[in-house]
């Protein structure tokens, strides 16, 4: 298993109605390794509330 780690800040973007939306960017190298593209961009997010861990997985069709 090849685990890579990077520390990022969460950006909070305010919508027109005043609600905040959190966003996180991932390194382009990771997106390429996950074989994400403008045509294949769907990912599944899993959040573990006990460990406070967020996982990202490419959706395969």
Protein backbone atom coordinates (compact mmCIF):
# COMPACT_ATOMS: atom_id res chain seq x y z
CA UNK A 1 0.00 0.00 0.00
CA UNK A 2 1.39 3.37 -1.04
CA UNK A 3 -0.07 6.01 1.31
CA UNK A 4 0.39 9.68 0.48
CA UNK A 5 -0.40 12.52 2.86
CA UNK A 6 -0.86 16.25 2.43
CA UNK A 7 -2.21 18.93 4.77
CA UNK A 8 -4.82 21.23 3.24
CA UNK A 9 -7.06 24.04 4.44
CA UNK A 10 -10.81 23.87 4.03
CA UNK A 11 -12.17 26.86 2.10
CA UNK A 12 -15.62 28.13 3.05
CA UNK A 13 -17.52 29.70 0.15
CA UNK A 14 -20.63 31.77 0.80
CA UNK A 15 -23.56 31.16 -1.53
CA UNK A 16 -25.89 33.87 -2.81
CA UNK A 17 -28.33 33.03 -0.04
CA UNK A 18 -25.62 33.38 2.61
CA UNK A 19 -25.02 29.68 3.36
CA UNK A 20 -21.46 28.41 3.70
CA UNK A 21 -20.17 25.51 1.62
CA UNK A 22 -16.88 23.86 2.64
CA UNK A 23 -14.50 22.85 -0.18
CA UNK A 24 -11.24 20.92 -0.27
CA UNK A 25 -8.98 20.60 -3.30
CA UNK A 26 -6.88 17.53 -4.02
CA UNK A 27 -3.51 17.47 -5.77
CA UNK A 28 -3.79 16.97 -9.55
CA UNK A 29 -1.41 14.01 -9.29
CA UNK A 30 -3.92 12.22 -7.07
CA UNK A 31 -6.79 12.99 -9.46
CA UNK A 32 -4.71 11.54 -12.30
CA UNK A 33 -3.84 8.43 -10.27
CA UNK A 34 -7.53 7.99 -9.48
CA UNK A 35 -8.17 8.35 -13.23
CA UNK A 36 -10.53 11.28 -12.65
CA UNK A 37 -11.25 13.58 -15.58
CA UNK A 38 -13.79 16.12 -16.75
CA UNK A 39 -15.80 13.21 -18.18
CA UNK A 40 -15.28 10.80 -15.26
CA UNK A 41 -15.48 12.95 -12.16
CA UNK A 42 -17.90 11.14 -9.85
CA UNK A 43 -16.53 10.22 -6.42
CA UNK A 44 -18.02 8.64 -3.32
CA UNK A 45 -17.32 10.29 0.05
CA UNK A 46 -17.41 8.29 3.29
CA UNK A 47 -17.21 10.00 6.68
CA UNK A 48 -16.54 8.18 9.97
CA UNK A 49 -17.91 10.40 12.73
CA UNK A 50 -16.11 8.42 15.44
CA UNK A 51 -12.60 8.77 13.97
CA UNK A 52 -13.32 12.06 12.10
CA UNK A 53 -11.93 10.51 8.90
CA UNK A 54 -13.10 11.34 5.38
CA UNK A 55 -12.40 8.93 2.51
CA UNK A 56 -12.73 9.59 -1.21
CA UNK A 57 -13.26 6.79 -3.73
CA UNK A 58 -13.80 6.96 -7.49
CA UNK A 59 -17.20 5.69 -8.60
CA UNK A 60 -16.79 3.02 -11.26
CA UNK A 61 -19.64 2.29 -13.60
